[in-house]
Structure formats: C-alpha cells, structure tokens
C-alpha cells in the first residue's frame, strides 16, 4: 500500500508529546483533525537508523496499520525536487518548524514502539532506550491481555493513584465517624466530597444542600 501524500500547509502545531524526557511537537491536520508526530524525530530519539526504519515503515501493510502520511509542499506534490530539510538529519535546530516528511498519527505511536526490536536498539549501543522500550512493551502486553480478557485496561500508574485515593477516602470516612469535633467532621466532609467527585461517585445529598 502506498503512503498518501498531503499538503504540509494542513499541519499546525497542536500539543507536545514526551518520549524519554524529550518533548516532540504534536501537529494537527486541519482537514481531518488527526493528531500527528514527525516520525523521524521519534526514531532519532530511540537511536535507530532513520533510513532503515523509514524503509520498514512504508513496506507491506505498515502504511495501513499505522495510517501514515507524507506531508509535502505544493511544489513537491507537483513532482519538483524535495528541499534539503525534508526528512533530513538536522532536525533539532528548528524544533517547532513543520518539516516535510513522514508523519505518524499520535494514536499509532504506541503500536509502532511496541513492534520495535529492543535487541536491535541495544545492539546499536542504546541500552537506556532499549530498557525503556522493553518496560513499555511489558506494560502494554499486560494491558492488551486485560483488555481482551475483561474489556478494560487501566494504566498501572493510574491504578496506583486510584488506590491511593480510595485508601484516603477510607481514612477520611473513619475520621469522620470516630471524631466528635464538628470542625474535624466538616474538614473530613470537604475532602470526602473532593475525592468522590474525582472518582465519579455520588456525593451525599444532605452535604450537597448544606
């Protein structure tokens, strides 16, 4: 499958995406509202050879799987010579500048990262990147199993936060029950309401009307 070509003027900086401590611009296609990442920036950060990765990305079913697109100037869409900065090696000098080249939707980034061979990354001397990717791949493996088995997957860090809030909720409820001091009970009620709202749970009607 061929990678579709689109006009680069459709792209607008929309947000930032962090990978291994580096923030990459997230662009939005103003025609489709799809959020996109400049693919070479991700590959360079991981420490893989861009030319070989680019070749793999555009072969077979990968363009369809990742929903890739080439963004080019009008001149290049008409078949004229590509400018020097198109998928060039010098990409950090103008960080936010929109570059011609291959873009991957933000929603496809995790799938791409999950399919990278960490042994290949490690063999090129990028041990830190390999270990980081491997930890992500293990987490996504468990999340995929949970989703397929139970229809739901929750990020581990969010699970920890949720547990901490539930534990605090229990402590506040006990504090309110055991305390005879109206001020302490009022403070407990205030924090209980906040946590219940964060968890999407109903607040007691009598406290709403207080």
Foldseek 3Di string as FASTA:
>chain_A
DAAAEEALVQWDFDDWDDDPRDTATWIARNVPRFTKTQVLVVCVVLPDDPVVVVVVCGDDCNCVQQVKHWHAHPCVVVPDDGDQQASHPPAPPPRRDRHTYMMTTPVRVLVVLLPDDLVVSVVSVSPVSSVVSVVSNVQVVVQVVCCVVPVGGDRPVVVVVLVVLVVVLVVLVVQLVPDPDPVSVVVSLVVNVVSCVVVVHDRDPVVVVD
